[in-house]
PDB file of N, CA and C in Angstrom:
ATOM      1  N   MET A   1     -19.506  -1.439  -3.359  1.00  0.00           N
ATOM      2  CA  MET A   1     -18.120  -2.315  -2.851  1.00  0.00           C
ATOM      3  C   MET A   1     -17.155  -1.314  -3.531  1.00  0.00           C
ATOM      4  N   PRO A   2     -16.243  -1.207  -1.929  1.00  0.00           N
ATOM      5  CA  PRO A   2     -15.179  -0.447  -2.026  1.00  0.00           C
ATOM      6  C   PRO A   2     -14.051  -0.936  -2.762  1.00  0.00           C
ATOM      7  N   LYS A   3     -13.022  -0.347  -3.378  1.00  0.00           N
ATOM      8  CA  LYS A   3     -11.985  -0.551  -4.424  1.00  0.00           C
ATOM      9  C   LYS A   3     -11.090   0.230  -3.730  1.00  0.00           C
ATOM     10  N   PHE A   4      -9.997  -0.654  -4.119  1.00  0.00           N
ATOM     11  CA  PHE A   4      -8.368   0.080  -3.964  1.00  0.00           C
ATOM     12  C   PHE A   4      -7.739   0.316  -5.443  1.00  0.00           C
ATOM     13  N   TYR A   5      -6.997   1.247  -5.597  1.00  0.00           N
ATOM     14  CA  TYR A   5      -6.219   1.533  -6.835  1.00  0.00           C
ATOM     15  C   TYR A   5      -4.618   1.420  -6.356  1.00  0.00           C
ATOM     16  N   LEU A   6      -3.987   1.416  -7.215  1.00  0.00           N
ATOM     17  CA  LEU A   6      -2.765   0.786  -6.955  1.00  0.00           C
ATOM     18  C   LEU A   6      -1.905   2.402  -8.012  1.00  0.00           C
ATOM     19  N   THR A   7      -1.137   3.252  -6.631  1.00  0.00           N
ATOM     20  CA  THR A   7      -0.080   4.050  -7.827  1.00  0.00           C
ATOM     21  C   THR A   7       0.582   3.426  -8.406  1.00  0.00           C
ATOM     22  N   ARG A   8       1.440   4.175  -9.557  1.00  0.00           N
ATOM     23  CA  ARG A   8       2.795   3.419 -10.158  1.00  0.00           C
ATOM     24  C   ARG A   8       3.595   3.127  -8.965  1.00  0.00           C
ATOM     25  N   ARG A   9       3.974   3.593  -8.197  1.00  0.00           N
ATOM     26  CA  ARG A   9       5.156   2.703  -7.071  1.00  0.00           C
ATOM     27  C   ARG A   9       4.531   1.900  -6.661  1.00  0.00           C
ATOM     28  N   ALA A  10       3.399   1.880  -6.065  1.00  0.00           N
ATOM     29  CA  ALA A  10       2.936   0.264  -5.259  1.00  0.00           C
ATOM     30  C   ALA A  10       2.799  -0.612  -6.345  1.00  0.00           C
ATOM     31  N   THR A  11       2.292  -0.632  -7.576  1.00  0.00           N
ATOM     32  CA  THR A  11       2.694  -1.559  -8.314  1.00  0.00           C
ATOM     33  C   THR A  11       3.893  -2.415  -8.396  1.00  0.00           C
ATOM     34  N   ARG A  12       5.092  -1.091  -8.755  1.00  0.00           N
ATOM     35  CA  ARG A  12       6.370  -1.476  -8.771  1.00  0.00           C
ATOM     36  C   ARG A  12       6.881  -2.296  -7.269  1.00  0.00           C
ATOM     37  N   ASP A  13       6.272  -1.919  -6.236  1.00  0.00           N
ATOM     38  CA  ASP A  13       6.778  -2.233  -4.911  1.00  0.00           C
ATOM     39  C   ASP A  13       6.242  -3.775  -5.360  1.00  0.00           C
ATOM     40  N   LEU A  14       4.687  -4.003  -5.260  1.00  0.00           N
ATOM     41  CA  LEU A  14       4.206  -5.483  -5.423  1.00  0.00           C
ATOM     42  C   LEU A  14       5.078  -6.316  -6.253  1.00  0.00           C
ATOM     43  N   HIS A  15       5.608  -5.782  -7.839  1.00  0.00           N
ATOM     44  CA  HIS A  15       6.327  -6.786  -8.319  1.00  0.00           C
ATOM     45  C   HIS A  15       7.733  -7.056  -7.714  1.00  0.00           C
ATOM     46  N   GLU A  16       8.207  -6.076  -7.312  1.00  0.00           N
ATOM     47  CA  GLU A  16       9.558  -6.211  -6.379  1.00  0.00           C
ATOM     48  C   GLU A  16       9.287  -7.590  -5.622  1.00  0.00           C
ATOM     49  N   ILE A  17       7.914  -7.429  -4.415  1.00  0.00           N
ATOM     50  CA  ILE A  17       7.986  -8.075  -3.068  1.00  0.00           C
ATOM     51  C   ILE A  17       7.865  -9.636  -4.318  1.00  0.00           C
ATOM     52  N   ALA A  18       6.877  -9.725  -5.299  1.00  0.00           N
ATOM     53  CA  ALA A  18       6.649 -11.318  -5.941  1.00  0.00           C
ATOM     54  C   ALA A  18       8.112 -11.850  -6.518  1.00  0.00           C
ATOM     55  N   ALA A  19       8.934 -10.689  -7.286  1.00  0.00           N
ATOM     56  CA  ALA A  19      10.109 -11.320  -7.698  1.00  0.00           C
ATOM     57  C   ALA A  19      11.014 -11.935  -6.394  1.00  0.00           C
ATOM     58  N   TYR A  20      11.402 -10.940  -5.316  1.00  0.00           N
ATOM     59  CA  TYR A  20      12.162 -11.516  -4.065  1.00  0.00           C
ATOM     60  C   TYR A  20      11.294 -12.976  -3.368  1.00  0.00           C
ATOM     61  N   SER A  21      10.082 -13.217  -3.328  1.00  0.00           N
ATOM     62  CA  SER A  21       9.462 -14.101  -2.623  1.00  0.00           C
ATOM     63  C   SER A  21       9.364 -15.196  -3.608  1.00  0.00           C
ATOM     64  N   THR A  22       9.618 -15.293  -4.831  1.00  0.00           N
ATOM     65  CA  THR A  22       9.554 -16.219  -5.632  1.00  0.00           C
ATOM     66  C   THR A  22      11.250 -17.013  -5.831  1.00  0.00           C
ATOM     67  N   GLU A  23      11.846 -16.139  -5.428  1.00  0.00           N
ATOM     68  CA  GLU A  23      13.506 -16.425  -5.583  1.00  0.00           C
ATOM     69  C   GLU A  23      13.356 -16.910  -4.036  1.00  0.00           C
ATOM     70  N   GLN A  24      12.938 -16.445  -2.991  1.00  0.00           N
ATOM     71  CA  GLN A  24      13.266 -17.162  -1.740  1.00  0.00           C
ATOM     72  C   GLN A  24      12.304 -18.326  -1.586  1.00  0.00           C
ATOM     73  N   TRP A  25      11.478 -18.286  -1.748  1.00  0.00           N
ATOM     74  CA  TRP A  25      10.293 -19.174  -1.186  1.00  0.00           C
ATOM     75  C   TRP A  25       9.549 -19.954  -2.524  1.00  0.00           C
ATOM     76  N   GLY A  26       9.670 -19.775  -3.556  1.00  0.00           N
ATOM     77  CA  GLY A  26       9.277 -20.272  -4.700  1.00  0.00           C
ATOM     78  C   GLY A  26       7.638 -20.051  -4.968  1.00  0.00           C
ATOM     79  N   GLU A  27       7.267 -20.320  -5.978  1.00  0.00           N
ATOM     80  CA  GLU A  27       5.820 -20.112  -6.715  1.00  0.00           C
ATOM     81  C   GLU A  27       4.867 -20.001  -5.748  1.00  0.00           C
ATOM     82  N   ALA A  28       4.714 -21.141  -5.253  1.00  0.00           N
ATOM     83  CA  ALA A  28       3.292 -21.639  -4.509  1.00  0.00           C
ATOM     84  C   ALA A  28       3.206 -20.579  -3.487  1.00  0.00           C
ATOM     85  N   ARG A  29       4.053 -20.551  -2.591  1.00  0.00           N
ATOM     86  CA  ARG A  29       4.250 -19.569  -1.823  1.00  0.00           C
ATOM     87  C   ARG A  29       3.781 -17.869  -2.237  1.00  0.00           C
ATOM     88  N   THR A  30       4.575 -17.932  -3.204  1.00  0.00           N
ATOM     89  CA  THR A  30       4.616 -16.371  -3.438  1.00  0.00           C
ATOM     90  C   THR A  30       3.030 -16.080  -3.830  1.00  0.00           C
ATOM     91  N   ARG A  31       2.299 -16.806  -5.181  1.00  0.00           N
ATOM     92  CA  ARG A  31       1.229 -16.754  -4.791  1.00  0.00           C
ATOM     93  C   ARG A  31       0.158 -16.655  -3.565  1.00  0.00           C
ATOM     94  N   GLN A  32       0.476 -17.404  -2.444  1.00  0.00           N
ATOM     95  CA  GLN A  32      -0.592 -17.283  -1.693  1.00  0.00           C
ATOM     96  C   GLN A  32       0.104 -16.002  -0.666  1.00  0.00           C
ATOM     97  N   TYR A  33       1.389 -15.449  -0.668  1.00  0.00           N
ATOM     98  CA  TYR A  33       1.558 -14.238   0.248  1.00  0.00           C
ATOM     99  C   TYR A  33       0.964 -13.337  -1.050  1.00  0.00           C
ATOM    100  N   MET A  34       0.900 -13.196  -1.892  1.00  0.00           N
ATOM    101  CA  MET A  34       0.315 -12.092  -2.809  1.00  0.00           C
ATOM    102  C   MET A  34      -1.133 -11.648  -2.556  1.00  0.00           C
ATOM    103  N   ALA A  35      -1.643 -13.120  -2.582  1.00  0.00           N
ATOM    104  CA  ALA A  35      -3.073 -13.248  -2.181  1.00  0.00           C
ATOM    105  C   ALA A  35      -3.564 -12.657  -1.357  1.00  0.00           C
ATOM    106  N   ASP A  36      -2.606 -12.925  -0.111  1.00  0.00           N
ATOM    107  CA  ASP A  36      -2.929 -12.366   1.338  1.00  0.00           C
ATOM    108  C   ASP A  36      -2.684 -10.595   1.197  1.00  0.00           C
ATOM    109  N   LEU A  37      -1.543 -10.153   0.569  1.00  0.00           N
ATOM    110  CA  LEU A  37      -1.536  -8.932   0.090  1.00  0.00           C
ATOM    111  C   LEU A  37      -2.811  -8.183  -0.341  1.00  0.00           C
ATOM    112  N   TYR A  38      -3.426  -9.061  -1.386  1.00  0.00           N
ATOM    113  CA  TYR A  38      -4.252  -8.380  -2.050  1.00  0.00           C
ATOM    114  C   TYR A  38      -5.762  -8.449  -1.178  1.00  0.00           C
ATOM    115  N   ARG A  39      -5.810  -9.230  -0.628  1.00  0.00           N
ATOM    116  CA  ARG A  39      -6.789  -9.543   0.470  1.00  0.00           C
ATOM    117  C   ARG A  39      -6.980  -8.399   1.685  1.00  0.00           C
ATOM    118  N   ALA A  40      -5.841  -7.972   2.314  1.00  0.00           N
ATOM    119  CA  ALA A  40      -5.516  -7.242   3.046  1.00  0.00           C
ATOM    120  C   ALA A  40      -5.575  -5.648   2.388  1.00  0.00           C
ATOM    121  N   PHE A  41      -5.355  -5.411   0.986  1.00  0.00           N
ATOM    122  CA  PHE A  41      -6.057  -4.398   0.628  1.00  0.00           C
ATOM    123  C   PHE A  41      -7.544  -4.002   0.514  1.00  0.00           C
ATOM    124  N   GLY A  42      -8.071  -5.295   0.369  1.00  0.00           N
ATOM    125  CA  GLY A  42      -9.580  -5.136   0.400  1.00  0.00           C
ATOM    126  C   GLY A  42     -10.147  -4.770   1.606  1.00  0.00           C
ATOM    127  N   ARG A  43      -9.404  -5.724   2.516  1.00  0.00           N
ATOM    128  CA  ARG A  43     -10.229  -4.918   4.066  1.00  0.00           C
ATOM    129  C   ARG A  43      -9.813  -3.545   4.438  1.00  0.00           C
ATOM    130  N   MET A  44      -8.419  -3.010   3.969  1.00  0.00           N
ATOM    131  CA  MET A  44      -8.250  -1.444   4.250  1.00  0.00           C
ATOM    132  C   MET A  44      -9.524  -0.917   3.381  1.00  0.00           C
ATOM    133  N   SER A  45      -9.840  -1.210   2.359  1.00  0.00           N
ATOM    134  CA  SER A  45     -10.928  -0.328   1.188  1.00  0.00           C
ATOM    135  C   SER A  45     -12.082  -0.574   1.874  1.00  0.00           C
ATOM    136  N   GLU A  46     -12.464  -1.458   2.469  1.00  0.00           N
ATOM    137  CA  GLU A  46     -13.489  -1.402   3.254  1.00  0.00           C
ATOM    138  C   GLU A  46     -13.549  -0.648   4.945  1.00  0.00           C
ATOM    139  N   GLU A  47     -12.431  -0.506   5.024  1.00  0.00           N
ATOM    140  CA  GLU A  47     -12.351  -0.124   6.619  1.00  0.00           C
ATOM    141  C   GLU A  47     -11.125   0.869   6.864  1.00  0.00           C
ATOM    142  N   PRO A  48     -10.995   1.940   5.929  1.00  0.00           N
ATOM    143  CA  PRO A  48     -10.010   2.583   5.638  1.00  0.00           C
ATOM    144  C   PRO A  48      -9.466   3.221   6.910  1.00  0.00           C
ATOM    145  N   GLN A  49     -10.366   3.406   8.278  1.00  0.00           N
ATOM    146  CA  GLN A  49      -9.790   4.003   9.391  1.00  0.00           C
ATOM    147  C   GLN A  49      -8.618   3.248  10.031  1.00  0.00           C
ATOM    148  N   ILE A  50      -8.647   2.047   9.737  1.00  0.00           N
ATOM    149  CA  ILE A  50      -7.702   1.000  10.328  1.00  0.00           C
ATOM    150  C   ILE A  50      -6.153   1.471  10.688  1.00  0.00           C
ATOM    151  N   GLY A  51      -6.076   2.525   9.201  1.00  0.00           N
ATOM    152  CA  GLY A  51      -5.104   2.930   9.288  1.00  0.00           C
ATOM    153  C   GLY A  51      -4.917   4.123  10.152  1.00  0.00           C
ATOM    154  N   GLU A  52      -5.307   4.796  10.639  1.00  0.00           N
ATOM    155  CA  GLU A  52      -5.498   5.885  11.637  1.00  0.00           C
ATOM    156  C   GLU A  52      -4.511   5.444  12.598  1.00  0.00           C
ATOM    157  N   LEU A  53      -4.483   4.162  13.136  1.00  0.00           N
ATOM    158  CA  LEU A  53      -3.833   3.899  14.306  1.00  0.00           C
ATOM    159  C   LEU A  53      -2.281   4.476  13.941  1.00  0.00           C
ATOM    160  N   ARG A  54      -1.639   4.212  12.994  1.00  0.00           N
ATOM    161  CA  ARG A  54      -0.566   4.614  12.486  1.00  0.00           C
ATOM    162  C   ARG A  54      -0.098   5.803  11.956  1.00  0.00           C
ATOM    163  N   LEU A  55      -1.358   7.159  11.729  1.00  0.00           N
ATOM    164  CA  LEU A  55      -0.974   7.856  11.269  1.00  0.00           C
ATOM    165  C   LEU A  55       0.419   8.653  11.726  1.00  0.00           C
ATOM    166  N   HIS A  56       0.906   8.817  12.910  1.00  0.00           N
ATOM    167  CA  HIS A  56       2.248   9.437  13.678  1.00  0.00           C
ATOM    168  C   HIS A  56       3.149   8.978  12.786  1.00  0.00           C
ATOM    169  N   ARG A  57       3.088   7.678  12.023  1.00  0.00           N
ATOM    170  CA  ARG A  57       4.148   7.455  11.284  1.00  0.00           C
ATOM    171  C   ARG A  57       4.010   7.444   9.861  1.00  0.00           C
ATOM    172  N   SER A  58       3.208   7.706   9.462  1.00  0.00           N
ATOM    173  CA  SER A  58       2.740   7.953   7.898  1.00  0.00           C
ATOM    174  C   SER A  58       2.153   9.008   7.471  1.00  0.00           C
ATOM    175  N   SER A  59       1.710  10.236   8.351  1.00  0.00           N
ATOM    176  CA  SER A  59       1.066  11.410   7.980  1.00  0.00           C
ATOM    177  C   SER A  59       1.926  11.954   6.623  1.00  0.00           C
ATOM    178  N   PRO A  60       1.260  12.426   5.522  1.00  0.00           N
ATOM    179  CA  PRO A  60      -0.505  12.323   5.528  1.00  0.00           C
ATOM    180  C   PRO A  60      -1.238  11.290   5.199  1.00  0.00           C
ATOM    181  N   PHE A  61      -0.544  10.216   5.035  1.00  0.00           N
ATOM    182  CA  PHE A  61      -1.084   8.922   4.679  1.00  0.00           C
ATOM    183  C   PHE A  61      -1.596   8.144   5.741  1.00  0.00           C
ATOM    184  N   LEU A  62      -2.352   7.273   5.425  1.00  0.00           N
ATOM    185  CA  LEU A  62      -3.111   6.025   6.534  1.00  0.00           C
ATOM    186  C   LEU A  62      -1.938   5.102   6.149  1.00  0.00           C
ATOM    187  N   MET A  63      -1.519   4.123   7.059  1.00  0.00           N
ATOM    188  CA  MET A  63      -0.896   3.020   7.195  1.00  0.00           C
ATOM    189  C   MET A  63      -1.253   1.820   7.592  1.00  0.00           C
ATOM    190  N   ALA A  64      -1.498   0.719   7.299  1.00  0.00           N
ATOM    191  CA  ALA A  64      -1.881  -0.562   8.296  1.00  0.00           C
ATOM    192  C   ALA A  64      -1.052  -1.797   7.316  1.00  0.00           C
ATOM    193  N   PRO A  65      -1.088  -2.843   8.610  1.00  0.00           N
ATOM    194  CA  PRO A  65      -0.233  -3.711   8.166  1.00  0.00           C
ATOM    195  C   PRO A  65      -1.061  -4.842   6.949  1.00  0.00           C
ATOM    196  N   ALA A  66      -0.111  -5.638   6.280  1.00  0.00           N
ATOM    197  CA  ALA A  66      -0.551  -6.509   5.354  1.00  0.00           C
ATOM    198  C   ALA A  66       0.724  -7.484   5.128  1.00  0.00           C
ATOM    199  N   LYS A  67       0.423  -8.470   6.122  1.00  0.00           N
ATOM    200  CA  LYS A  67       1.397  -9.689   6.420  1.00  0.00           C
ATOM    201  C   LYS A  67       2.629  -8.899   6.849  1.00  0.00           C
ATOM    202  N   GLN A  68       3.928  -9.474   6.438  1.00  0.00           N
ATOM    203  CA  GLN A  68       4.827  -8.519   6.736  1.00  0.00           C
ATOM    204  C   GLN A  68       5.470  -7.308   6.074  1.00  0.00           C
ATOM    205  N   HIS A  69       4.551  -6.433   5.345  1.00  0.00           N
ATOM    206  CA  HIS A  69       4.645  -5.416   5.049  1.00  0.00           C
ATOM    207  C   HIS A  69       3.344  -4.312   5.326  1.00  0.00           C
ATOM    208  N   PHE A  70       3.863  -3.199   4.937  1.00  0.00           N
ATOM    209  CA  PHE A  70       2.890  -1.979   5.481  1.00  0.00           C
ATOM    210  C   PHE A  70       2.327  -1.275   4.058  1.00  0.00           C
ATOM    211  N   ALA A  71       0.824  -1.493   3.915  1.00  0.00           N
ATOM    212  CA  ALA A  71       0.286  -0.431   2.954  1.00  0.00           C
ATOM    213  C   ALA A  71       0.151   1.220   3.094  1.00  0.00           C
ATOM    214  N   VAL A  72       0.711   1.813   2.674  1.00  0.00           N
ATOM    215  CA  VAL A  72       0.500   3.283   2.814  1.00  0.00           C
ATOM    216  C   VAL A  72      -0.624   3.557   1.797  1.00  0.00           C
ATOM    217  N   TYR A  73      -1.446   4.189   2.261  1.00  0.00           N
ATOM    218  CA  TYR A  73      -2.772   4.813   1.388  1.00  0.00           C
ATOM    219  C   TYR A  73      -3.365   5.811   1.627  1.00  0.00           C
ATOM    220  N   LYS A  74      -4.274   6.197   0.851  1.00  0.00           N
ATOM    221  CA  LYS A  74      -5.177   7.515   1.406  1.00  0.00           C
ATOM    222  C   LYS A  74      -6.883   7.281   0.900  1.00  0.00           C
ATOM    223  N   PRO A  75      -7.339   7.536   1.706  1.00  0.00           N
ATOM    224  CA  PRO A  75      -9.321   7.391   1.440  1.00  0.00           C
ATOM    225  C   PRO A  75      -9.361   7.897   0.393  1.00  0.00           C
ATOM    226  N   LEU A  76     -10.370   7.129  -0.597  1.00  0.00           N
ATOM    227  CA  LEU A  76     -11.099   8.220  -1.514  1.00  0.00           C
ATOM    228  C   LEU A  76     -12.596   8.113  -1.150  1.00  0.00           C
ATOM    229  N   LYS A  77     -13.450   8.541  -1.774  1.00  0.00           N
ATOM    230  CA  LYS A  77     -14.875   8.408  -1.530  1.00  0.00           C
ATOM    231  C   LYS A  77     -15.303   7.184  -1.617  1.00  0.00           C
ATOM    232  N   GLN A  78     -14.468   6.361  -2.749  1.00  0.00           N
ATOM    233  CA  GLN A  78     -15.020   4.811  -3.153  1.00  0.00           C
ATOM    234  C   GLN A  78     -13.915   4.149  -3.168  1.00  0.00           C
ATOM    235  N   GLY A  79     -13.361   4.337  -2.222  1.00  0.00           N
ATOM    236  CA  GLY A  79     -12.166   3.077  -1.777  1.00  0.00           C
ATOM    237  C   GLY A  79     -10.956   3.996  -1.216  1.00  0.00           C
ATOM    238  N   ILE A  80      -9.900   3.175  -1.628  1.00  0.00           N
ATOM    239  CA  ILE A  80      -8.588   3.741  -1.441  1.00  0.00           C
ATOM    240  C   ILE A  80      -7.484   3.852  -2.476  1.00  0.00           C
ATOM    241  N   VAL A  81      -6.489   4.567  -2.450  1.00  0.00           N
ATOM    242  CA  VAL A  81      -5.511   4.316  -3.282  1.00  0.00           C
ATOM    243  C   VAL A  81      -4.132   4.083  -2.733  1.00  0.00           C
ATOM    244  N   ILE A  82      -3.429   2.992  -2.914  1.00  0.00           N
ATOM    245  CA  ILE A  82      -2.495   2.309  -2.308  1.00  0.00           C
ATOM    246  C   ILE A  82      -1.135   3.001  -2.742  1.00  0.00           C
ATOM    247  N   ALA A  83      -0.268   3.824  -2.145  1.00  0.00           N
ATOM    248  CA  ALA A  83       0.773   5.000  -2.394  1.00  0.00           C
ATOM    249  C   ALA A  83       2.138   4.009  -2.495  1.00  0.00           C
ATOM    250  N   THR A  84       1.934   2.655  -1.602  1.00  0.00           N
ATOM    251  CA  THR A  84       3.562   2.331  -1.932  1.00  0.00           C
ATOM    252  C   THR A  84       3.412   1.225  -0.560  1.00  0.00           C
ATOM    253  N   VAL A  85       4.011   0.020  -0.685  1.00  0.00           N
ATOM    254  CA  VAL A  85       3.877  -0.968  -0.101  1.00  0.00           C
ATOM    255  C   VAL A  85       5.320  -1.420   0.437  1.00  0.00           C
ATOM    256  N   LEU A  86       5.722  -1.313   1.869  1.00  0.00           N
ATOM    257  CA  LEU A  86       6.891  -1.365   2.175  1.00  0.00           C
ATOM    258  C   LEU A  86       6.987  -2.419   3.374  1.00  0.00           C
ATOM    259  N   HIS A  87       8.423  -3.095   3.247  1.00  0.00           N
ATOM    260  CA  HIS A  87       8.501  -4.288   4.471  1.00  0.00           C
ATOM    261  C   HIS A  87       8.437  -3.642   5.507  1.00  0.00           C
ATOM    262  N   GLY A  88       7.745  -4.103   6.826  1.00  0.00           N
ATOM    263  CA  GLY A  88       8.028  -3.880   8.205  1.00  0.00           C
ATOM    264  C   GLY A  88       9.459  -3.525   8.760  1.00  0.00           C
ATOM    265  N   ARG A  89      10.498  -4.323   8.439  1.00  0.00           N
ATOM    266  CA  ARG A  89      11.589  -3.889   8.587  1.00  0.00           C
ATOM    267  C   ARG A  89      12.279  -2.594   7.912  1.00  0.00           C
ATOM    268  N   ARG A  90      11.718  -2.054   7.235  1.00  0.00           N
ATOM    269  CA  ARG A  90      12.300  -0.703   6.696  1.00  0.00           C
ATOM    270  C   ARG A  90      12.254   0.205   7.256  1.00  0.00           C
ATOM    271  N   ASN A  91      13.101   1.665   7.072  1.00  0.00           N
ATOM    272  CA  ASN A  91      12.631   2.640   8.163  1.00  0.00           C
ATOM    273  C   ASN A  91      11.268   3.472   7.341  1.00  0.00           C
ATOM    274  N   ILE A  92      10.272   3.253   7.389  1.00  0.00           N
ATOM    275  CA  ILE A  92       9.389   3.750   6.473  1.00  0.00           C
ATOM    276  C   ILE A  92       9.063   5.418   6.839  1.00  0.00           C
ATOM    277  N   GLU A  93       9.055   5.845   7.952  1.00  0.00           N
ATOM    278  CA  GLU A  93       9.043   7.249   8.368  1.00  0.00           C
ATOM    279  C   GLU A  93      10.178   7.836   7.447  1.00  0.00           C
ATOM    280  N   SER A  94      11.433   7.455   7.042  1.00  0.00           N
ATOM    281  CA  SER A  94      12.287   7.919   6.347  1.00  0.00           C
ATOM    282  C   SER A  94      11.848   7.780   5.028  1.00  0.00           C
ATOM    283  N   ILE A  95      11.627   6.819   4.571  1.00  0.00           N
ATOM    284  CA  ILE A  95      11.052   6.810   3.369  1.00  0.00           C
ATOM    285  C   ILE A  95       9.812   7.441   2.645  1.00  0.00           C
ATOM    286  N   LEU A  96       8.962   7.738   3.644  1.00  0.00           N
ATOM    287  CA  LEU A  96       8.070   8.759   3.235  1.00  0.00           C
ATOM    288  C   LEU A  96       8.108   9.962   3.481  1.00  0.00           C
ATOM    289  N   ARG A  97       9.208  10.647   4.473  1.00  0.00           N
ATOM    290  CA  ARG A  97       9.405  11.828   4.049  1.00  0.00           C
ATOM    291  C   ARG A  97      10.305  11.902   2.765  1.00  0.00           C
ATOM    292  N   SER A  98      11.076  10.971   2.298  1.00  0.00           N
ATOM    293  CA  SER A  98      11.898  11.519   0.684  1.00  0.00           C
ATOM    294  C   SER A  98      10.722  11.122  -0.370  1.00  0.00           C
ATOM    295  N   ILE A  99       9.992  10.095  -0.270  1.00  0.00           N
ATOM    296  CA  ILE A  99       9.239  10.059  -1.828  1.00  0.00           C
ATOM    297  C   ILE A  99       7.976  10.827  -1.263  1.00  0.00           C
ATOM    298  N   GLY A 100       6.981  11.108   0.134  1.00  0.00           N
ATOM    299  CA  GLY A 100       6.041  12.053   0.115  1.00  0.00           C
ATOM    300  C   GLY A 100       5.558  12.134  -0.600  1.00  0.00           C
ATOM    301  N   PRO A 101       6.222  13.564  -1.622  1.00  0.00           N
ATOM    302  CA  PRO A 101       5.630  14.515  -2.259  1.00  0.00           C
ATOM    303  C   PRO A 101       5.453  14.137  -3.534  1.00  0.00           C
ATOM    304  N   SER A 102       5.857  13.291  -4.039  1.00  0.00           N
ATOM    305  CA  SER A 102       5.823  12.619  -5.463  1.00  0.00           C
ATOM    306  C   SER A 102       4.566  11.575  -5.490  1.00  0.00           C
ATOM    307  N   LEU A 103       4.426  10.455  -3.995  1.00  0.00           N
ATOM    308  CA  LEU A 103       3.322   9.953  -3.637  1.00  0.00           C
ATOM    309  C   LEU A 103       2.241  10.933  -4.218  1.00  0.00           C
ATOM    310  N   ALA A 104       1.921  11.917  -3.319  1.00  0.00           N
ATOM    311  CA  ALA A 104       1.010  12.965  -3.229  1.00  0.00           C
ATOM    312  C   ALA A 104       0.624  13.496  -4.405  1.00  0.00           C
ATOM    313  N   ALA A 105       1.605  13.769  -5.316  1.00  0.00           N
ATOM    314  CA  ALA A 105       1.380  13.969  -6.516  1.00  0.00           C
ATOM    315  C   ALA A 105       0.489  13.268  -7.671  1.00  0.00           C
ATOM    316  N   GLU A 106       1.099  11.821  -7.061  1.00  0.00           N
ATOM    317  CA  GLU A 106       0.668  10.877  -7.696  1.00  0.00           C
ATOM    318  C   GLU A 106      -1.139  10.179  -7.702  1.00  0.00           C
ATOM    319  N   ILE A 107      -0.936  10.421  -6.376  1.00  0.00           N
ATOM    320  CA  ILE A 107      -2.801  10.339  -5.621  1.00  0.00           C
ATOM    321  C   ILE A 107      -3.642  11.397  -5.927  1.00  0.00           C
ATOM    322  N   ALA A 108      -3.046  12.793  -6.173  1.00  0.00           N
ATOM    323  CA  ALA A 108      -3.645  13.849  -6.863  1.00  0.00           C
ATOM    324  C   ALA A 108      -4.311  13.412  -8.047  1.00  0.00           C
ATOM    325  N   LYS A 109      -3.559  12.708  -8.910  1.00  0.00           N
ATOM    326  CA  LYS A 109      -4.241  12.490 -10.110  1.00  0.00           C
ATOM    327  C   LYS A 109      -5.203  11.339 -10.483  1.00  0.00           C
ATOM    328  N   ILE A 110      -4.942  10.412  -9.500  1.00  0.00           N
ATOM    329  CA  ILE A 110      -5.870   9.301  -9.347  1.00  0.00           C
ATOM    330  C   ILE A 110      -7.381   9.781  -8.804  1.00  0.00           C
ATOM    331  N   GLU A 111      -6.838  10.704  -7.531  1.00  0.00           N
ATOM    332  CA  GLU A 111      -8.100  11.642  -7.407  1.00  0.00           C
ATOM    333  C   GLU A 111      -9.003  12.382  -8.198  1.00  0.00           C
ATOM    334  N   LYS A 112      -8.360  12.901  -9.093  1.00  0.00           N
ATOM    335  CA  LYS A 112      -8.833  13.711 -10.233  1.00  0.00           C
ATOM    336  C   LYS A 112     -10.074  12.795 -11.117  1.00  0.00           C
ATOM    337  N   GLN A 113      -9.546  11.353 -11.146  1.00  0.00           N
ATOM    338  CA  GLN A 113     -10.014  10.878 -12.337  1.00  0.00           C
ATOM    339  C   GLN A 113     -11.737  10.256 -11.458  1.00  0.00           C
ATOM    340  N   PHE A 114     -11.716  10.458 -10.339  1.00  0.00           N
ATOM    341  CA  PHE A 114     -12.660   9.834  -9.316  1.00  0.00           C
ATOM    342  C   PHE A 114     -13.404  10.984  -8.294  1.00  0.00           C
ATOM    343  N   PRO A 115     -13.765  12.070  -8.854  1.00  0.00           N
ATOM    344  CA  PRO A 115     -14.109  13.178  -8.132  1.00  0.00           C
ATOM    345  C   PRO A 115     -15.372  12.821  -7.608  1.00  0.00           C
TER     346      PRO A 115
END
């Protein structure tokens, strides 16, 4: 069964999403939204090629929608590494140009754990 792994950046993103969502919409809606995000990550791990559609926006990473957000990820032999989770209204291309090298370095460390 394919799996997904989170970088430190993605973990921080998810904590921020949960905090903002709780403040705006309450705990019940936040729990549902976060569960929906994690289900989307599971689908991406099972079908990583779905992120190729947006490769022109996220290269060298793949990117796929997860509710109002986009998960930026890289396939592994046994799943995917989610590098970051960004809201669809943000300038994703600009953000990835800025943080791409640090994301690539963190993903490389994770890949070494799963040769």
